[in-house]
PDB file of N, CA and C in Angstrom:
ATOM      1  N   UNK A   1       0.846  -1.275  -0.134  1.00  0.00           N
ATOM      2  CA  UNK A   1      -0.135  -0.078  -0.207  1.00  0.00           C
ATOM      3  C   UNK A   1       0.617   1.341  -0.020  1.00  0.00           C
ATOM      4  N   UNK A   2       2.118   0.966   0.546  1.00  0.00           N
ATOM      5  CA  UNK A   2       2.835   2.432   1.054  1.00  0.00           C
ATOM      6  C   UNK A   2       3.481   2.915  -0.753  1.00  0.00           C
ATOM      7  N   UNK A   3       3.992   1.736  -1.254  1.00  0.00           N
ATOM      8  CA  UNK A   3       4.729   2.037  -2.694  1.00  0.00           C
ATOM      9  C   UNK A   3       3.207   2.533  -3.419  1.00  0.00           C
ATOM     10  N   UNK A   4       2.389   1.818  -3.713  1.00  0.00           N
ATOM     11  CA  UNK A   4       1.087   2.473  -4.608  1.00  0.00           C
ATOM     12  C   UNK A   4       0.690   3.671  -4.330  1.00  0.00           C
ATOM     13  N   UNK A   5       0.704   4.273  -2.939  1.00  0.00           N
ATOM     14  CA  UNK A   5       0.108   5.658  -2.381  1.00  0.00           C
ATOM     15  C   UNK A   5       1.435   6.768  -3.253  1.00  0.00           C
ATOM     16  N   UNK A   6       2.404   6.129  -2.757  1.00  0.00           N
ATOM     17  CA  UNK A   6       3.798   7.012  -3.201  1.00  0.00           C
ATOM     18  C   UNK A   6       3.682   7.251  -4.922  1.00  0.00           C
ATOM     19  N   UNK A   7       3.221   5.957  -5.516  1.00  0.00           N
ATOM     20  CA  UNK A   7       3.374   6.220  -6.836  1.00  0.00           C
ATOM     21  C   UNK A   7       2.222   7.080  -7.318  1.00  0.00           C
ATOM     22  N   UNK A   8       1.328   6.873  -7.020  1.00  0.00           N
ATOM     23  CA  UNK A   8      -0.293   7.699  -7.036  1.00  0.00           C
ATOM     24  C   UNK A   8      -0.015   8.870  -6.742  1.00  0.00           C
ATOM     25  N   UNK A   9       0.541   9.550  -5.914  1.00  0.00           N
ATOM     26  CA  UNK A   9       0.890  10.940  -5.324  1.00  0.00           C
ATOM     27  C   UNK A   9       1.671  11.592  -5.394  1.00  0.00           C
ATOM     28  N   UNK A  10       2.757  11.216  -6.111  1.00  0.00           N
ATOM     29  CA  UNK A  10       3.998  11.722  -6.789  1.00  0.00           C
ATOM     30  C   UNK A  10       3.952  11.507  -8.278  1.00  0.00           C
ATOM     31  N   UNK A  11       2.932  10.690  -8.517  1.00  0.00           N
ATOM     32  CA  UNK A  11       2.463  10.573 -10.286  1.00  0.00           C
ATOM     33  C   UNK A  11       4.223   9.943 -10.831  1.00  0.00           C
ATOM     34  N   UNK A  12       4.482   8.652 -10.245  1.00  0.00           N
ATOM     35  CA  UNK A  12       5.626   7.791 -10.547  1.00  0.00           C
ATOM     36  C   UNK A  12       5.085   7.182 -11.919  1.00  0.00           C
ATOM     37  N   UNK A  13       6.314   6.793 -12.687  1.00  0.00           N
ATOM     38  CA  UNK A  13       5.936   5.348 -13.655  1.00  0.00           C
ATOM     39  C   UNK A  13       6.670   4.105 -12.864  1.00  0.00           C
ATOM     40  N   UNK A  14       6.382   3.261 -13.602  1.00  0.00           N
ATOM     41  CA  UNK A  14       6.312   2.179 -12.554  1.00  0.00           C
ATOM     42  C   UNK A  14       8.371   1.922 -12.892  1.00  0.00           C
ATOM     43  N   UNK A  15       8.956   2.444 -13.625  1.00  0.00           N
ATOM     44  CA  UNK A  15      10.477   2.390 -13.538  1.00  0.00           C
ATOM     45  C   UNK A  15      10.866   3.440 -12.651  1.00  0.00           C
ATOM     46  N   UNK A  16      10.381   4.484 -12.571  1.00  0.00           N
ATOM     47  CA  UNK A  16      10.845   5.731 -11.738  1.00  0.00           C
ATOM     48  C   UNK A  16      10.420   4.857 -10.243  1.00  0.00           C
ATOM     49  N   UNK A  17       9.257   4.285 -10.046  1.00  0.00           N
ATOM     50  CA  UNK A  17       8.931   3.411  -8.794  1.00  0.00           C
ATOM     51  C   UNK A  17      10.120   2.757  -8.390  1.00  0.00           C
ATOM     52  N   UNK A  18      10.451   2.247  -9.157  1.00  0.00           N
ATOM     53  CA  UNK A  18      11.604   0.822  -9.042  1.00  0.00           C
ATOM     54  C   UNK A  18      12.897   1.224  -9.239  1.00  0.00           C
ATOM     55  N   UNK A  19      13.603   2.493  -9.730  1.00  0.00           N
ATOM     56  CA  UNK A  19      14.441   3.003  -9.427  1.00  0.00           C
ATOM     57  C   UNK A  19      14.664   3.987  -8.117  1.00  0.00           C
ATOM     58  N   UNK A  20      13.244   4.486  -7.439  1.00  0.00           N
ATOM     59  CA  UNK A  20      13.553   5.091  -6.498  1.00  0.00           C
ATOM     60  C   UNK A  20      13.505   4.195  -4.978  1.00  0.00           C
ATOM     61  N   UNK A  21      12.826   3.161  -5.310  1.00  0.00           N
ATOM     62  CA  UNK A  21      13.203   1.809  -4.435  1.00  0.00           C
ATOM     63  C   UNK A  21      14.430   1.015  -4.241  1.00  0.00           C
ATOM     64  N   UNK A  22      14.928   0.974  -5.459  1.00  0.00           N
ATOM     65  CA  UNK A  22      16.261   0.776  -5.452  1.00  0.00           C
ATOM     66  C   UNK A  22      17.553   1.564  -4.893  1.00  0.00           C
ATOM     67  N   UNK A  23      16.943   2.648  -5.096  1.00  0.00           N
ATOM     68  CA  UNK A  23      18.017   3.986  -4.572  1.00  0.00           C
ATOM     69  C   UNK A  23      17.960   3.980  -2.902  1.00  0.00           C
ATOM     70  N   UNK A  24      16.804   4.147  -2.598  1.00  0.00           N
ATOM     71  CA  UNK A  24      16.044   4.338  -1.096  1.00  0.00           C
ATOM     72  C   UNK A  24      14.906   3.179  -0.750  1.00  0.00           C
ATOM     73  N   UNK A  25      15.639   2.123  -0.376  1.00  0.00           N
ATOM     74  CA  UNK A  25      14.677   0.727  -0.226  1.00  0.00           C
ATOM     75  C   UNK A  25      14.444   0.927   1.244  1.00  0.00           C
ATOM     76  N   UNK A  26      14.384   1.972   2.146  1.00  0.00           N
ATOM     77  CA  UNK A  26      13.969   2.496   3.201  1.00  0.00           C
ATOM     78  C   UNK A  26      12.457   2.828   3.417  1.00  0.00           C
ATOM     79  N   UNK A  27      12.481   3.213   2.231  1.00  0.00           N
ATOM     80  CA  UNK A  27      10.584   4.017   1.948  1.00  0.00           C
ATOM     81  C   UNK A  27       9.558   2.864   2.005  1.00  0.00           C
ATOM     82  N   UNK A  28      10.232   1.647   1.690  1.00  0.00           N
ATOM     83  CA  UNK A  28       9.060   0.436   1.805  1.00  0.00           C
ATOM     84  C   UNK A  28       8.542   0.575   3.340  1.00  0.00           C
ATOM     85  N   UNK A  29       9.705   0.917   4.580  1.00  0.00           N
ATOM     86  CA  UNK A  29       8.889   0.682   5.960  1.00  0.00           C
ATOM     87  C   UNK A  29       8.276   1.977   6.400  1.00  0.00           C
ATOM     88  N   UNK A  30       8.230   2.583   5.483  1.00  0.00           N
ATOM     89  CA  UNK A  30       7.607   4.239   5.992  1.00  0.00           C
ATOM     90  C   UNK A  30       6.112   4.166   5.995  1.00  0.00           C
ATOM     91  N   UNK A  31       5.437   4.956   6.881  1.00  0.00           N
ATOM     92  CA  UNK A  31       4.119   5.092   7.021  1.00  0.00           C
ATOM     93  C   UNK A  31       3.848   6.028   5.694  1.00  0.00           C
ATOM     94  N   UNK A  32       2.835   6.064   4.750  1.00  0.00           N
ATOM     95  CA  UNK A  32       2.887   7.018   3.697  1.00  0.00           C
ATOM     96  C   UNK A  32       2.007   8.006   4.415  1.00  0.00           C
ATOM     97  N   UNK A  33       0.601   7.483   5.115  1.00  0.00           N
ATOM     98  CA  UNK A  33       0.450   8.516   6.088  1.00  0.00           C
ATOM     99  C   UNK A  33       0.776   9.522   7.063  1.00  0.00           C
ATOM    100  N   UNK A  34       1.821   8.723   7.733  1.00  0.00           N
ATOM    101  CA  UNK A  34       2.103   9.321   8.817  1.00  0.00           C
ATOM    102  C   UNK A  34       3.516  10.025   8.537  1.00  0.00           C
ATOM    103  N   UNK A  35       4.246   9.313   7.531  1.00  0.00           N
ATOM    104  CA  UNK A  35       5.795   9.863   7.210  1.00  0.00           C
ATOM    105  C   UNK A  35       5.600  10.480   6.037  1.00  0.00           C
ATOM    106  N   UNK A  36       5.163   9.745   4.734  1.00  0.00           N
ATOM    107  CA  UNK A  36       5.882  10.321   3.603  1.00  0.00           C
ATOM    108  C   UNK A  36       5.102  11.442   3.136  1.00  0.00           C
ATOM    109  N   UNK A  37       3.780  11.591   3.270  1.00  0.00           N
ATOM    110  CA  UNK A  37       2.813  12.447   2.825  1.00  0.00           C
ATOM    111  C   UNK A  37       3.095  13.873   3.682  1.00  0.00           C
ATOM    112  N   UNK A  38       2.974  13.739   5.084  1.00  0.00           N
ATOM    113  CA  UNK A  38       3.268  14.922   5.698  1.00  0.00           C
ATOM    114  C   UNK A  38       4.648  15.568   5.288  1.00  0.00           C
ATOM    115  N   UNK A  39       5.523  15.087   5.260  1.00  0.00           N
ATOM    116  CA  UNK A  39       6.731  15.567   4.693  1.00  0.00           C
ATOM    117  C   UNK A  39       6.570  16.318   3.209  1.00  0.00           C
ATOM    118  N   UNK A  40       6.138  15.241   2.260  1.00  0.00           N
ATOM    119  CA  UNK A  40       6.298  15.958   0.988  1.00  0.00           C
ATOM    120  C   UNK A  40       4.873  17.046   0.967  1.00  0.00           C
ATOM    121  N   UNK A  41       3.840  16.946   1.791  1.00  0.00           N
ATOM    122  CA  UNK A  41       3.060  18.243   1.842  1.00  0.00           C
ATOM    123  C   UNK A  41       3.758  19.371   2.010  1.00  0.00           C
ATOM    124  N   UNK A  42       4.525  19.171   3.509  1.00  0.00           N
ATOM    125  CA  UNK A  42       4.781  20.739   3.860  1.00  0.00           C
ATOM    126  C   UNK A  42       6.281  21.161   2.871  1.00  0.00           C
ATOM    127  N   UNK A  43       7.182  20.279   2.417  1.00  0.00           N
ATOM    128  CA  UNK A  43       7.718  21.110   1.461  1.00  0.00           C
ATOM    129  C   UNK A  43       7.467  21.397   0.258  1.00  0.00           C
ATOM    130  N   UNK A  44       6.177  20.606  -0.423  1.00  0.00           N
ATOM    131  CA  UNK A  44       5.283  21.320  -1.690  1.00  0.00           C
ATOM    132  C   UNK A  44       4.692  22.670  -1.095  1.00  0.00           C
ATOM    133  N   UNK A  45       4.021  23.175   0.208  1.00  0.00           N
ATOM    134  CA  UNK A  45       3.577  23.898   0.421  1.00  0.00           C
ATOM    135  C   UNK A  45       4.699  25.105   1.107  1.00  0.00           C
ATOM    136  N   UNK A  46       6.033  24.747   1.878  1.00  0.00           N
ATOM    137  CA  UNK A  46       6.341  25.868   1.991  1.00  0.00           C
ATOM    138  C   UNK A  46       7.659  26.144   1.073  1.00  0.00           C
ATOM    139  N   UNK A  47       7.936  25.562   0.005  1.00  0.00           N
ATOM    140  CA  UNK A  47       8.489  26.385  -1.417  1.00  0.00           C
ATOM    141  C   UNK A  47       7.652  26.684  -2.334  1.00  0.00           C
ATOM    142  N   UNK A  48       6.130  26.533  -1.956  1.00  0.00           N
ATOM    143  CA  UNK A  48       5.319  26.718  -2.704  1.00  0.00           C
ATOM    144  C   UNK A  48       6.030  26.235  -4.368  1.00  0.00           C
ATOM    145  N   UNK A  49       5.434  24.872  -4.233  1.00  0.00           N
ATOM    146  CA  UNK A  49       6.117  23.840  -5.834  1.00  0.00           C
ATOM    147  C   UNK A  49       5.172  23.907  -6.160  1.00  0.00           C
ATOM    148  N   UNK A  50       5.197  23.247  -7.572  1.00  0.00           N
ATOM    149  CA  UNK A  50       4.235  22.401  -8.686  1.00  0.00           C
ATOM    150  C   UNK A  50       4.441  21.208  -8.027  1.00  0.00           C
ATOM    151  N   UNK A  51       3.345  20.753  -8.759  1.00  0.00           N
ATOM    152  CA  UNK A  51       3.631  19.019  -8.779  1.00  0.00           C
ATOM    153  C   UNK A  51       4.740  18.307  -9.070  1.00  0.00           C
ATOM    154  N   UNK A  52       5.022  18.843 -10.317  1.00  0.00           N
ATOM    155  CA  UNK A  52       6.249  18.458 -11.301  1.00  0.00           C
ATOM    156  C   UNK A  52       7.244  18.932 -10.281  1.00  0.00           C
ATOM    157  N   UNK A  53       7.665  19.637  -9.861  1.00  0.00           N
ATOM    158  CA  UNK A  53       8.543  20.179  -9.105  1.00  0.00           C
ATOM    159  C   UNK A  53       9.138  19.454  -7.750  1.00  0.00           C
ATOM    160  N   UNK A  54       7.715  19.239  -7.309  1.00  0.00           N
ATOM    161  CA  UNK A  54       7.507  17.878  -5.880  1.00  0.00           C
ATOM    162  C   UNK A  54       8.224  16.641  -6.680  1.00  0.00           C
ATOM    163  N   UNK A  55       7.940  16.363  -7.372  1.00  0.00           N
ATOM    164  CA  UNK A  55       8.096  15.221  -8.022  1.00  0.00           C
ATOM    165  C   UNK A  55       9.539  14.755  -8.328  1.00  0.00           C
ATOM    166  N   UNK A  56      10.164  16.065  -8.747  1.00  0.00           N
ATOM    167  CA  UNK A  56      11.672  16.440  -9.746  1.00  0.00           C
ATOM    168  C   UNK A  56      12.384  16.201  -8.178  1.00  0.00           C
ATOM    169  N   UNK A  57      12.048  16.806  -7.122  1.00  0.00           N
ATOM    170  CA  UNK A  57      12.978  16.634  -5.845  1.00  0.00           C
ATOM    171  C   UNK A  57      12.936  15.553  -5.264  1.00  0.00           C
ATOM    172  N   UNK A  58      11.602  14.563  -5.126  1.00  0.00           N
ATOM    173  CA  UNK A  58      11.570  13.378  -4.565  1.00  0.00           C
ATOM    174  C   UNK A  58      12.598  12.498  -5.570  1.00  0.00           C
ATOM    175  N   UNK A  59      12.279  12.409  -7.056  1.00  0.00           N
ATOM    176  CA  UNK A  59      13.137  11.471  -7.603  1.00  0.00           C
ATOM    177  C   UNK A  59      14.608  11.465  -7.287  1.00  0.00           C
ATOM    178  N   UNK A  60      14.915  13.164  -7.366  1.00  0.00           N
ATOM    179  CA  UNK A  60      16.432  13.081  -7.013  1.00  0.00           C
ATOM    180  C   UNK A  60      16.867  12.811  -5.661  1.00  0.00           C
ATOM    181  N   UNK A  61      15.783  12.886  -4.414  1.00  0.00           N
ATOM    182  CA  UNK A  61      16.241  12.901  -3.234  1.00  0.00           C
ATOM    183  C   UNK A  61      15.291  12.219  -2.146  1.00  0.00           C
ATOM    184  N   UNK A  62      15.095  10.949  -2.696  1.00  0.00           N
ATOM    185  CA  UNK A  62      14.024  10.259  -2.062  1.00  0.00           C
ATOM    186  C   UNK A  62      14.436  10.175  -0.627  1.00  0.00           C
ATOM    187  N   UNK A  63      15.211  10.284  -0.109  1.00  0.00           N
ATOM    188  CA  UNK A  63      15.537  10.052   1.446  1.00  0.00           C
ATOM    189  C   UNK A  63      14.512  11.291   2.032  1.00  0.00           C
ATOM    190  N   UNK A  64      14.226  12.269   1.499  1.00  0.00           N
ATOM    191  CA  UNK A  64      13.720  13.535   1.805  1.00  0.00           C
ATOM    192  C   UNK A  64      12.412  13.351   2.985  1.00  0.00           C
ATOM    193  N   UNK A  65      11.680  12.040   2.385  1.00  0.00           N
ATOM    194  CA  UNK A  65      10.680  11.545   3.227  1.00  0.00           C
ATOM    195  C   UNK A  65      10.998  10.788   4.328  1.00  0.00           C
ATOM    196  N   UNK A  66      12.549  10.402   4.997  1.00  0.00           N
ATOM    197  CA  UNK A  66      12.901  10.099   5.559  1.00  0.00           C
ATOM    198  C   UNK A  66      13.104  11.072   7.071  1.00  0.00           C
ATOM    199  N   UNK A  67      13.074  12.211   6.674  1.00  0.00           N
ATOM    200  CA  UNK A  67      13.195  13.127   7.365  1.00  0.00           C
ATOM    201  C   UNK A  67      12.131  14.156   7.661  1.00  0.00           C
ATOM    202  N   UNK A  68      12.044  14.466   9.358  1.00  0.00           N
ATOM    203  CA  UNK A  68      10.953  15.698   9.964  1.00  0.00           C
ATOM    204  C   UNK A  68      11.155  17.178   9.195  1.00  0.00           C
ATOM    205  N   UNK A  69       9.842  17.385   9.020  1.00  0.00           N
ATOM    206  CA  UNK A  69       9.930  18.706   8.105  1.00  0.00           C
ATOM    207  C   UNK A  69      10.546  19.626   9.022  1.00  0.00           C
ATOM    208  N   UNK A  70      10.122  20.046  10.207  1.00  0.00           N
ATOM    209  CA  UNK A  70       9.856  20.618  11.294  1.00  0.00           C
ATOM    210  C   UNK A  70      11.281  20.520  12.150  1.00  0.00           C
ATOM    211  N   UNK A  71      11.736  19.644  12.130  1.00  0.00           N
ATOM    212  CA  UNK A  71      12.809  19.216  13.135  1.00  0.00           C
ATOM    213  C   UNK A  71      14.240  19.096  12.000  1.00  0.00           C
ATOM    214  N   UNK A  72      14.233  18.877  10.908  1.00  0.00           N
ATOM    215  CA  UNK A  72      15.403  19.060  10.056  1.00  0.00           C
ATOM    216  C   UNK A  72      15.304  19.754   8.372  1.00  0.00           C
ATOM    217  N   UNK A  73      14.134  19.572   7.718  1.00  0.00           N
ATOM    218  CA  UNK A  73      14.150  20.254   6.849  1.00  0.00           C
ATOM    219  C   UNK A  73      13.890  21.892   6.777  1.00  0.00           C
ATOM    220  N   UNK A  74      13.294  21.827   7.437  1.00  0.00           N
ATOM    221  CA  UNK A  74      12.257  23.383   7.532  1.00  0.00           C
ATOM    222  C   UNK A  74      13.894  24.501   8.238  1.00  0.00           C
ATOM    223  N   UNK A  75      14.470  24.012   9.653  1.00  0.00           N
ATOM    224  CA  UNK A  75      15.740  24.642   9.708  1.00  0.00           C
ATOM    225  C   UNK A  75      16.832  25.268   8.666  1.00  0.00           C
ATOM    226  N   UNK A  76      16.933  23.498   8.166  1.00  0.00           N
ATOM    227  CA  UNK A  76      18.245  23.989   7.074  1.00  0.00           C
ATOM    228  C   UNK A  76      17.777  24.463   6.044  1.00  0.00           C
ATOM    229  N   UNK A  77      16.604  24.990   5.466  1.00  0.00           N
ATOM    230  CA  UNK A  77      15.961  25.873   4.311  1.00  0.00           C
ATOM    231  C   UNK A  77      16.180  27.387   4.937  1.00  0.00           C
ATOM    232  N   UNK A  78      15.684  27.395   6.127  1.00  0.00           N
ATOM    233  CA  UNK A  78      15.993  28.945   6.998  1.00  0.00           C
ATOM    234  C   UNK A  78      17.320  29.117   6.872  1.00  0.00           C
ATOM    235  N   UNK A  79      18.277  28.690   7.247  1.00  0.00           N
ATOM    236  CA  UNK A  79      19.483  28.750   7.499  1.00  0.00           C
ATOM    237  C   UNK A  79      20.469  29.211   6.471  1.00  0.00           C
ATOM    238  N   UNK A  80      20.097  28.045   5.346  1.00  0.00           N
ATOM    239  CA  UNK A  80      20.411  28.083   4.150  1.00  0.00           C
ATOM    240  C   UNK A  80      20.205  29.667   3.243  1.00  0.00           C
ATOM    241  N   UNK A  81      19.014  29.831   3.323  1.00  0.00           N
ATOM    242  CA  UNK A  81      18.163  31.247   2.970  1.00  0.00           C
ATOM    243  C   UNK A  81      18.806  32.102   3.595  1.00  0.00           C
ATOM    244  N   UNK A  82      19.065  32.280   5.019  1.00  0.00           N
ATOM    245  CA  UNK A  82      19.307  33.542   5.411  1.00  0.00           C
ATOM    246  C   UNK A  82      20.962  34.158   5.704  1.00  0.00           C
ATOM    247  N   UNK A  83      21.701  32.593   5.680  1.00  0.00           N
ATOM    248  CA  UNK A  83      22.717  32.715   5.258  1.00  0.00           C
ATOM    249  C   UNK A  83      23.202  33.423   3.903  1.00  0.00           C
ATOM    250  N   UNK A  84      22.755  32.718   2.695  1.00  0.00           N
ATOM    251  CA  UNK A  84      22.802  33.378   1.499  1.00  0.00           C
ATOM    252  C   UNK A  84      22.281  34.994   1.370  1.00  0.00           C
ATOM    253  N   UNK A  85      21.014  35.149   2.017  1.00  0.00           N
ATOM    254  CA  UNK A  85      20.518  36.224   1.924  1.00  0.00           C
ATOM    255  C   UNK A  85      19.929  36.094   0.531  1.00  0.00           C
ATOM    256  N   UNK A  86      18.935  35.173   0.606  1.00  0.00           N
ATOM    257  CA  UNK A  86      18.395  34.899  -0.875  1.00  0.00           C
ATOM    258  C   UNK A  86      16.653  35.260  -0.599  1.00  0.00           C
ATOM    259  N   UNK A  87      15.927  35.417  -1.708  1.00  0.00           N
ATOM    260  CA  UNK A  87      14.810  35.292  -2.086  1.00  0.00           C
ATOM    261  C   UNK A  87      14.066  33.714  -1.986  1.00  0.00           C
ATOM    262  N   UNK A  88      12.629  34.146  -1.873  1.00  0.00           N
ATOM    263  CA  UNK A  88      12.127  32.627  -1.461  1.00  0.00           C
ATOM    264  C   UNK A  88      11.865  32.057  -3.082  1.00  0.00           C
ATOM    265  N   UNK A  89      12.253  32.676  -3.913  1.00  0.00           N
ATOM    266  CA  UNK A  89      12.360  32.315  -5.386  1.00  0.00           C
ATOM    267  C   UNK A  89      13.560  31.632  -5.545  1.00  0.00           C
ATOM    268  N   UNK A  90      14.697  32.095  -5.321  1.00  0.00           N
ATOM    269  CA  UNK A  90      15.800  31.592  -5.371  1.00  0.00           C
ATOM    270  C   UNK A  90      16.059  30.896  -4.746  1.00  0.00           C
ATOM    271  N   UNK A  91      15.656  30.349  -3.376  1.00  0.00           N
ATOM    272  CA  UNK A  91      15.745  29.418  -2.786  1.00  0.00           C
ATOM    273  C   UNK A  91      14.921  28.141  -3.298  1.00  0.00           C
ATOM    274  N   UNK A  92      13.662  28.288  -3.884  1.00  0.00           N
ATOM    275  CA  UNK A  92      12.798  27.208  -4.385  1.00  0.00           C
ATOM    276  C   UNK A  92      13.709  26.683  -5.690  1.00  0.00           C
ATOM    277  N   UNK A  93      14.319  27.322  -6.279  1.00  0.00           N
ATOM    278  CA  UNK A  93      15.190  27.210  -7.404  1.00  0.00           C
ATOM    279  C   UNK A  93      16.356  26.427  -6.917  1.00  0.00           C
ATOM    280  N   UNK A  94      17.026  26.832  -5.823  1.00  0.00           N
ATOM    281  CA  UNK A  94      17.984  26.150  -5.663  1.00  0.00           C
ATOM    282  C   UNK A  94      17.684  24.759  -5.464  1.00  0.00           C
ATOM    283  N   UNK A  95      16.549  24.456  -4.558  1.00  0.00           N
ATOM    284  CA  UNK A  95      15.970  23.478  -4.257  1.00  0.00           C
ATOM    285  C   UNK A  95      15.662  22.302  -5.317  1.00  0.00           C
ATOM    286  N   UNK A  96      14.990  22.821  -6.265  1.00  0.00           N
ATOM    287  CA  UNK A  96      14.525  22.442  -7.599  1.00  0.00           C
ATOM    288  C   UNK A  96      15.500  21.712  -7.904  1.00  0.00           C
ATOM    289  N   UNK A  97      16.651  22.397  -8.337  1.00  0.00           N
ATOM    290  CA  UNK A  97      17.814  22.073  -9.126  1.00  0.00           C
ATOM    291  C   UNK A  97      18.882  21.215  -8.431  1.00  0.00           C
ATOM    292  N   UNK A  98      18.970  21.447  -7.285  1.00  0.00           N
ATOM    293  CA  UNK A  98      20.094  20.796  -6.298  1.00  0.00           C
ATOM    294  C   UNK A  98      19.569  20.259  -5.273  1.00  0.00           C
ATOM    295  N   UNK A  99      18.384  19.227  -4.886  1.00  0.00           N
ATOM    296  CA  UNK A  99      17.974  19.037  -3.593  1.00  0.00           C
ATOM    297  C   UNK A  99      18.596  18.633  -2.456  1.00  0.00           C
ATOM    298  N   UNK A 100      19.659  17.839  -3.020  1.00  0.00           N
ATOM    299  CA  UNK A 100      21.044  17.645  -1.946  1.00  0.00           C
ATOM    300  C   UNK A 100      21.674  18.219  -1.404  1.00  0.00           C
TER     301      UNK A 100
END
């Protein structure tokens, strides 16, 4: 059920799903409703991403779903934005093009 939910939510092809699982097999053990969806939703909203941009980030960095948004992702993004003194739009572009 988790992989089916991820595939539908992020709109992955069968090949993309297979590659993602091979790259980050731990995703199989995560709860879609408790871990994956809340993290992806928070990143999606915080960076004001399109569905395609979220999909690109997830494909390049599937381990993002193993991180807590409030404890790990948001503080990292905030620090990056403040240190580089960049706008929300530039931060978004950086994350989409270089998510790791």
